[in-house]
Amino acid sequence: MQETKNISHYRKALHDKIMETAMKLFATKGIKAVRMDAIAGELNISKRTLYEIYDNKETLLYEGVKRYKVYQEQELQRLLCDCQNVMDIMLKIYYVKVDEFKRTCPQFYSDLQKFPRVVELLQADREVQYLRAMQFMQRGVKEGYFRRDIDLELVAKLFEAVVQFVVSNKVYKDYSIEQIFRNILFVSLRGICTRKGIDVLDAFPEP
């Protein structure tokens, strides 16, 4: 019985280690550039062992992205508890996102679109993020940071469209991540802010 428990513990630890290692390689080199045997070699395990746990790259990627989404949700809930208002939350998320993109190879985001299960997962997540954006903006209106004379639903859709344009047209090849995010957030967000919200944006330091 003890031996069985030890084997189960080892398999769970290896499962997590493979996912962690693979996602780091995908992020730094791009998904297509990383072969399954390279992941096995990085961990000093056989390809057979790797395929016993993850039968293909898409399954491995899917599980990695899914776990990261859970981590993101946990971090967001922490921010919601720590921040005093919607502007604090959005600006801290901005810095987190800039740091995340700086540490990730742009090809990673292009490669994601080539895996159907992952695309489906991301699409479902976009719908959740859209609803959350609506909630944030509604909160911003109540707190006096966002104008009341705007169509929040339309603004949320426009923000989403801009992000999709950046990814699909690989705008990150011509501009730095800081430039892209600062213009999407600070320039676009400024247009829906009240004087109170603009003062907060103007007081925020460069990343």
C-alpha atoms as a PDB file:
ATOM      1  CA  MET A   1       0.000   0.000   0.000  1.00  0.00           C
ATOM      2  CA  GLN A   2       2.793   2.415   0.941  1.00  0.00           C
ATOM      3  CA  GLU A   3       4.574   1.693  -2.341  1.00  0.00           C
ATOM      4  CA  THR A   4       1.377   2.469  -4.271  1.00  0.00           C
ATOM      5  CA  LYS A   5       1.028   5.791  -2.455  1.00  0.00           C
ATOM      6  CA  ASN A   6       4.644   6.654  -3.216  1.00  0.00           C
ATOM      7  CA  ILE A   7       4.136   5.875  -6.913  1.00  0.00           C
ATOM      8  CA  SER A   8       0.982   8.009  -7.008  1.00  0.00           C
ATOM      9  CA  HIS A   9       2.797  10.886  -5.302  1.00  0.00           C
ATOM     10  CA  TYR A  10       5.689  10.595  -7.750  1.00  0.00           C
ATOM     11  CA  ARG A  11       3.355  10.593 -10.763  1.00  0.00           C
ATOM     12  CA  LYS A  12       1.516  13.676  -9.472  1.00  0.00           C
ATOM     13  CA  ALA A  13       4.793  15.509  -8.880  1.00  0.00           C
ATOM     14  CA  LEU A  14       6.070  14.507 -12.317  1.00  0.00           C
ATOM     15  CA  HIS A  15       2.769  15.552 -13.917  1.00  0.00           C
ATOM     16  CA  ASP A  16       3.149  19.039 -12.414  1.00  0.00           C
ATOM     17  CA  LYS A  17       6.855  19.272 -13.219  1.00  0.00           C
ATOM     18  CA  ILE A  18       6.280  18.378 -16.873  1.00  0.00           C
ATOM     19  CA  MET A  19       3.565  21.025 -17.182  1.00  0.00           C
ATOM     20  CA  GLU A  20       5.691  23.684 -15.489  1.00  0.00           C
ATOM     21  CA  THR A  21       8.745  22.905 -17.627  1.00  0.00           C
ATOM     22  CA  ALA A  22       6.779  22.722 -20.879  1.00  0.00           C
ATOM     23  CA  MET A  23       4.990  26.035 -20.302  1.00  0.00           C
ATOM     24  CA  LYS A  24       8.295  27.788 -19.584  1.00  0.00           C
ATOM     25  CA  LEU A  25       9.764  26.385 -22.813  1.00  0.00           C
ATOM     26  CA  PHE A  26       6.646  27.318 -24.795  1.00  0.00           C
ATOM     27  CA  ALA A  27       6.733  30.856 -23.383  1.00  0.00           C
ATOM     28  CA  THR A  28      10.398  31.456 -24.186  1.00  0.00           C
ATOM     29  CA  LYS A  29      10.700  29.654 -27.537  1.00  0.00           C
ATOM     30  CA  GLY A  30       7.182  29.423 -28.951  1.00  0.00           C
ATOM     31  CA  ILE A  31       4.973  26.339 -28.907  1.00  0.00           C
ATOM     32  CA  LYS A  32       5.713  24.969 -32.361  1.00  0.00           C
ATOM     33  CA  ALA A  33       9.467  25.232 -31.791  1.00  0.00           C
ATOM     34  CA  VAL A  34       9.356  22.949 -28.742  1.00  0.00           C
ATOM     35  CA  ARG A  35       9.156  19.233 -29.497  1.00  0.00           C
ATOM     36  CA  MET A  36       7.948  16.692 -26.985  1.00  0.00           C
ATOM     37  CA  ASP A  37      11.373  15.010 -26.946  1.00  0.00           C
ATOM     38  CA  ALA A  38      12.924  18.375 -25.992  1.00  0.00           C
ATOM     39  CA  ILE A  39      10.602  18.522 -22.976  1.00  0.00           C
ATOM     40  CA  ALA A  40      11.538  14.971 -22.025  1.00  0.00           C
ATOM     41  CA  GLY A  41      15.239  15.817 -22.412  1.00  0.00           C
ATOM     42  CA  GLU A  42      14.886  18.912 -20.244  1.00  0.00           C
ATOM     43  CA  LEU A  43      13.477  16.720 -17.465  1.00  0.00           C
ATOM     44  CA  ASN A  44      15.794  13.766 -18.053  1.00  0.00           C
ATOM     45  CA  ILE A  45      12.889  11.398 -18.560  1.00  0.00           C
ATOM     46  CA  SER A  46      12.076   9.112 -21.471  1.00  0.00           C
ATOM     47  CA  LYS A  47       9.630  10.097 -24.188  1.00  0.00           C
ATOM     48  CA  ARG A  48       7.629   7.028 -23.243  1.00  0.00           C
ATOM     49  CA  THR A  49       7.218   8.318 -19.688  1.00  0.00           C
ATOM     50  CA  LEU A  50       6.205  11.725 -21.015  1.00  0.00           C
ATOM     51  CA  TYR A  51       3.587  10.267 -23.362  1.00  0.00           C
ATOM     52  CA  GLU A  52       2.201   8.083 -20.578  1.00  0.00           C
ATOM     53  CA  ILE A  53       1.288  11.283 -18.724  1.00  0.00           C
ATOM     54  CA  TYR A  54       0.492  13.606 -21.650  1.00  0.00           C
ATOM     55  CA  ASP A  55      -0.418  11.824 -24.863  1.00  0.00           C
ATOM     56  CA  ASN A  56       0.258  14.841 -27.094  1.00  0.00           C
ATOM     57  CA  LYS A  57       1.431  18.454 -27.074  1.00  0.00           C
ATOM     58  CA  GLU A  58      -2.052  19.936 -27.315  1.00  0.00           C
ATOM     59  CA  THR A  59      -3.192  18.104 -24.181  1.00  0.00           C
ATOM     60  CA  LEU A  60      -0.125  19.368 -22.349  1.00  0.00           C
ATOM     61  CA  LEU A  61      -0.652  22.923 -23.581  1.00  0.00           C
ATOM     62  CA  TYR A  62      -4.379  22.821 -22.821  1.00  0.00           C
ATOM     63  CA  GLU A  63      -3.786  21.702 -19.238  1.00  0.00           C
ATOM     64  CA  GLY A  64      -1.063  24.319 -18.794  1.00  0.00           C
ATOM     65  CA  VAL A  65      -3.217  27.187 -20.076  1.00  0.00           C
ATOM     66  CA  LYS A  66      -6.167  25.952 -18.015  1.00  0.00           C
ATOM     67  CA  ARG A  67      -4.083  25.918 -14.846  1.00  0.00           C
ATOM     68  CA  TYR A  68      -2.713  29.382 -15.606  1.00  0.00           C
ATOM     69  CA  LYS A  69      -6.258  30.699 -15.940  1.00  0.00           C
ATOM     70  CA  VAL A  70      -7.011  29.373 -12.449  1.00  0.00           C
ATOM     71  CA  TYR A  71      -3.894  31.134 -11.146  1.00  0.00           C
ATOM     72  CA  GLN A  72      -4.973  34.375 -12.851  1.00  0.00           C
ATOM     73  CA  GLU A  73      -8.386  34.164 -11.203  1.00  0.00           C
ATOM     74  CA  GLN A  74      -6.787  33.692  -7.784  1.00  0.00           C
ATOM     75  CA  GLU A  75      -4.529  36.713  -8.356  1.00  0.00           C
ATOM     76  CA  LEU A  76      -7.487  38.813  -9.450  1.00  0.00           C
ATOM     77  CA  GLN A  77      -9.418  37.909  -6.314  1.00  0.00           C
ATOM     78  CA  ARG A  78      -6.388  38.934  -4.257  1.00  0.00           C
ATOM     79  CA  LEU A  79      -6.293  42.290  -6.048  1.00  0.00           C
ATOM     80  CA  LEU A  80     -10.001  42.781  -5.437  1.00  0.00           C
ATOM     81  CA  CYS A  81      -9.362  42.359  -1.725  1.00  0.00           C
ATOM     82  CA  ASP A  82      -6.225  44.540  -1.603  1.00  0.00           C
ATOM     83  CA  CYS A  83      -7.284  47.445  -3.836  1.00  0.00           C
ATOM     84  CA  GLN A  84      -9.504  50.310  -2.715  1.00  0.00           C
ATOM     85  CA  ASN A  85     -11.134  51.166  -6.047  1.00  0.00           C
ATOM     86  CA  VAL A  86     -11.528  50.095  -9.669  1.00  0.00           C
ATOM     87  CA  MET A  87      -8.666  52.306 -10.895  1.00  0.00           C
ATOM     88  CA  ASP A  88      -6.203  50.631  -8.534  1.00  0.00           C
ATOM     89  CA  ILE A  89      -7.315  47.222  -9.764  1.00  0.00           C
ATOM     90  CA  MET A  90      -7.067  48.058 -13.466  1.00  0.00           C
ATOM     91  CA  LEU A  91      -3.684  49.762 -13.181  1.00  0.00           C
ATOM     92  CA  LYS A  92      -2.184  46.908 -11.168  1.00  0.00           C
ATOM     93  CA  ILE A  93      -3.529  44.417 -13.710  1.00  0.00           C
ATOM     94  CA  TYR A  94      -1.868  46.559 -16.370  1.00  0.00           C
ATOM     95  CA  TYR A  95       1.552  46.168 -14.746  1.00  0.00           C
ATOM     96  CA  VAL A  96       1.040  42.436 -14.263  1.00  0.00           C
ATOM     97  CA  LYS A  97       0.110  42.031 -17.938  1.00  0.00           C
ATOM     98  CA  VAL A  98       3.057  44.075 -19.184  1.00  0.00           C
ATOM     99  CA  ASP A  99       5.437  41.947 -17.113  1.00  0.00           C
ATOM    100  CA  GLU A 100       3.774  38.748 -18.339  1.00  0.00           C
ATOM    101  CA  PHE A 101       4.080  39.717 -21.998  1.00  0.00           C
ATOM    102  CA  LYS A 102       7.682  40.883 -21.588  1.00  0.00           C
ATOM    103  CA  ARG A 103       8.599  37.418 -20.324  1.00  0.00           C
ATOM    104  CA  THR A 104       6.764  35.620 -23.126  1.00  0.00           C
ATOM    105  CA  CYS A 105       7.920  35.080 -26.705  1.00  0.00           C
ATOM    106  CA  PRO A 106       5.446  36.776 -29.119  1.00  0.00           C
ATOM    107  CA  GLN A 107       5.357  33.595 -31.208  1.00  0.00           C
ATOM    108  CA  PHE A 108       3.717  31.848 -28.264  1.00  0.00           C
ATOM    109  CA  TYR A 109       0.531  33.862 -28.791  1.00  0.00           C
ATOM    110  CA  SER A 110       0.482  33.187 -32.526  1.00  0.00           C
ATOM    111  CA  ASP A 111       1.032  29.462 -31.976  1.00  0.00           C
ATOM    112  CA  LEU A 112      -1.879  29.258 -29.533  1.00  0.00           C
ATOM    113  CA  GLN A 113      -4.278  29.821 -32.423  1.00  0.00           C
ATOM    114  CA  LYS A 114      -3.173  26.538 -34.044  1.00  0.00           C
ATOM    115  CA  PHE A 115      -4.560  24.303 -31.299  1.00  0.00           C
ATOM    116  CA  PRO A 116      -8.384  23.931 -31.489  1.00  0.00           C
ATOM    117  CA  ARG A 117      -8.971  22.844 -27.888  1.00  0.00           C
ATOM    118  CA  VAL A 118      -6.913  25.739 -26.592  1.00  0.00           C
ATOM    119  CA  VAL A 119      -8.694  28.194 -28.909  1.00  0.00           C
ATOM    120  CA  GLU A 120     -12.034  26.963 -27.549  1.00  0.00           C
ATOM    121  CA  LEU A 121     -10.793  27.404 -23.975  1.00  0.00           C
ATOM    122  CA  LEU A 122      -9.551  30.929 -24.709  1.00  0.00           C
ATOM    123  CA  GLN A 123     -12.824  31.847 -26.398  1.00  0.00           C
ATOM    124  CA  ALA A 124     -14.764  30.809 -23.301  1.00  0.00           C
ATOM    125  CA  ASP A 125     -12.330  32.821 -21.186  1.00  0.00           C
ATOM    126  CA  ARG A 126     -12.788  35.895 -23.405  1.00  0.00           C
ATOM    127  CA  GLU A 127     -16.518  35.768 -22.718  1.00  0.00           C
ATOM    128  CA  VAL A 128     -15.813  35.704 -18.974  1.00  0.00           C
ATOM    129  CA  GLN A 129     -13.343  38.587 -19.302  1.00  0.00           C
ATOM    130  CA  TYR A 130     -15.871  40.603 -21.306  1.00  0.00           C
ATOM    131  CA  LEU A 131     -18.444  40.276 -18.531  1.00  0.00           C
ATOM    132  CA  ARG A 132     -15.798  41.186 -15.976  1.00  0.00           C
ATOM    133  CA  ALA A 133     -14.800  44.271 -17.975  1.00  0.00           C
ATOM    134  CA  MET A 134     -18.446  45.320 -17.934  1.00  0.00           C
ATOM    135  CA  GLN A 135     -18.567  44.887 -14.153  1.00  0.00           C
ATOM    136  CA  PHE A 136     -15.380  46.910 -13.693  1.00  0.00           C
ATOM    137  CA  MET A 137     -16.675  49.749 -15.829  1.00  0.00           C
ATOM    138  CA  GLN A 138     -20.025  49.781 -14.039  1.00  0.00           C
ATOM    139  CA  ARG A 139     -18.134  49.948 -10.750  1.00  0.00           C
ATOM    140  CA  GLY A 140     -15.979  52.748 -12.182  1.00  0.00           C
ATOM    141  CA  VAL A 141     -19.101  54.751 -13.010  1.00  0.00           C
ATOM    142  CA  LYS A 142     -20.466  54.286  -9.487  1.00  0.00           C
ATOM    143  CA  GLU A 143     -17.133  55.319  -7.963  1.00  0.00           C
ATOM    144  CA  GLY A 144     -17.004  58.429 -10.133  1.00  0.00           C
ATOM    145  CA  TYR A 145     -13.965  57.481 -12.239  1.00  0.00           C
ATOM    146  CA  PHE A 146     -15.834  56.740 -15.492  1.00  0.00           C
ATOM    147  CA  ARG A 147     -18.330  58.921 -17.322  1.00  0.00           C
ATOM    148  CA  ARG A 148     -22.022  58.108 -17.160  1.00  0.00           C
ATOM    149  CA  ASP A 149     -22.749  59.221 -20.732  1.00  0.00           C
ATOM    150  CA  ILE A 150     -20.993  56.293 -22.455  1.00  0.00           C
ATOM    151  CA  ASP A 151     -22.232  52.964 -23.777  1.00  0.00           C
ATOM    152  CA  LEU A 152     -20.343  50.541 -21.525  1.00  0.00           C
ATOM    153  CA  GLU A 153     -21.263  47.483 -23.582  1.00  0.00           C
ATOM    154  CA  LEU A 154     -19.920  49.078 -26.762  1.00  0.00           C
ATOM    155  CA  VAL A 155     -16.726  50.222 -25.016  1.00  0.00           C
ATOM    156  CA  ALA A 156     -16.091  46.693 -23.688  1.00  0.00           C
ATOM    157  CA  LYS A 157     -16.512  45.270 -27.195  1.00  0.00           C
ATOM    158  CA  LEU A 158     -14.165  47.883 -28.648  1.00  0.00           C
ATOM    159  CA  PHE A 159     -11.484  47.075 -26.060  1.00  0.00           C
ATOM    160  CA  GLU A 160     -11.817  43.378 -26.907  1.00  0.00           C
ATOM    161  CA  ALA A 161     -11.621  44.116 -30.653  1.00  0.00           C
ATOM    162  CA  VAL A 162      -8.433  46.138 -30.215  1.00  0.00           C
ATOM    163  CA  VAL A 163      -6.743  43.315 -28.288  1.00  0.00           C
ATOM    164  CA  GLN A 164      -7.758  40.781 -30.939  1.00  0.00           C
ATOM    165  CA  PHE A 165      -6.420  43.087 -33.661  1.00  0.00           C
ATOM    166  CA  VAL A 166      -3.047  43.301 -31.898  1.00  0.00           C
ATOM    167  CA  VAL A 167      -2.791  39.505 -31.706  1.00  0.00           C
ATOM    168  CA  SER A 168      -4.123  38.602 -35.157  1.00  0.00           C
ATOM    169  CA  ASN A 169      -2.049  41.264 -36.934  1.00  0.00           C
ATOM    170  CA  LYS A 170       1.079  40.620 -34.837  1.00  0.00           C
ATOM    171  CA  VAL A 171       1.404  44.290 -33.957  1.00  0.00           C
ATOM    172  CA  TYR A 172       3.906  43.262 -31.259  1.00  0.00           C
ATOM    173  CA  LYS A 173       6.490  42.733 -34.016  1.00  0.00           C
ATOM    174  CA  ASP A 174       6.638  46.482 -34.698  1.00  0.00           C
ATOM    175  CA  TYR A 175       5.989  47.925 -31.246  1.00  0.00           C
ATOM    176  CA  SER A 176       7.111  47.066 -27.744  1.00  0.00           C
ATOM    177  CA  ILE A 177       4.649  45.483 -25.346  1.00  0.00           C
ATOM    178  CA  GLU A 178       4.865  48.584 -23.152  1.00  0.00           C
ATOM    179  CA  GLN A 179       3.882  50.799 -26.096  1.00  0.00           C
ATOM    180  CA  ILE A 180       0.962  48.588 -27.055  1.00  0.00           C
ATOM    181  CA  PHE A 181      -0.458  48.191 -23.569  1.00  0.00           C
ATOM    182  CA  ARG A 182       0.061  51.795 -22.577  1.00  0.00           C
ATOM    183  CA  ASN A 183      -1.775  53.015 -25.660  1.00  0.00           C
ATOM    184  CA  ILE A 184      -4.592  50.496 -25.340  1.00  0.00           C
ATOM    185  CA  LEU A 185      -5.147  51.174 -21.667  1.00  0.00           C
ATOM    186  CA  PHE A 186      -4.052  54.724 -20.951  1.00  0.00           C
ATOM    187  CA  VAL A 187      -5.109  56.366 -24.214  1.00  0.00           C
ATOM    188  CA  SER A 188      -8.383  54.460 -24.647  1.00  0.00           C
ATOM    189  CA  LEU A 189      -9.261  54.461 -20.961  1.00  0.00           C
ATOM    190  CA  ARG A 190      -8.644  58.196 -20.723  1.00  0.00           C
ATOM    191  CA  GLY A 191     -11.523  58.784 -23.121  1.00  0.00           C
ATOM    192  CA  ILE A 192     -14.081  57.230 -20.771  1.00  0.00           C
ATOM    193  CA  CYS A 193     -12.704  58.768 -17.566  1.00  0.00           C
ATOM    194  CA  THR A 194     -14.105  61.676 -15.621  1.00  0.00           C
ATOM    195  CA  ARG A 195     -11.738  64.386 -14.386  1.00  0.00           C
ATOM    196  CA  LYS A 196     -11.310  62.295 -11.238  1.00  0.00           C
ATOM    197  CA  GLY A 197     -10.243  59.268 -13.298  1.00  0.00           C
ATOM    198  CA  ILE A 198      -7.905  61.299 -15.514  1.00  0.00           C
ATOM    199  CA  ASP A 199      -6.120  62.659 -12.439  1.00  0.00           C
ATOM    200  CA  VAL A 200      -5.431  59.074 -11.323  1.00  0.00           C
ATOM    201  CA  LEU A 201      -4.056  58.131 -14.756  1.00  0.00           C
ATOM    202  CA  ASP A 202      -1.843  61.228 -14.929  1.00  0.00           C
ATOM    203  CA  ALA A 203      -0.400  60.496 -11.507  1.00  0.00           C
ATOM    204  CA  PHE A 204       0.566  56.917 -12.359  1.00  0.00           C
ATOM    205  CA  PRO A 205       4.291  56.429 -13.086  1.00  0.00           C
ATOM    206  CA  GLU A 206       5.724  54.832 -16.210  1.00  0.00           C
ATOM    207  CA  PRO A 207       6.166  51.032 -15.917  1.00  0.00           C
END
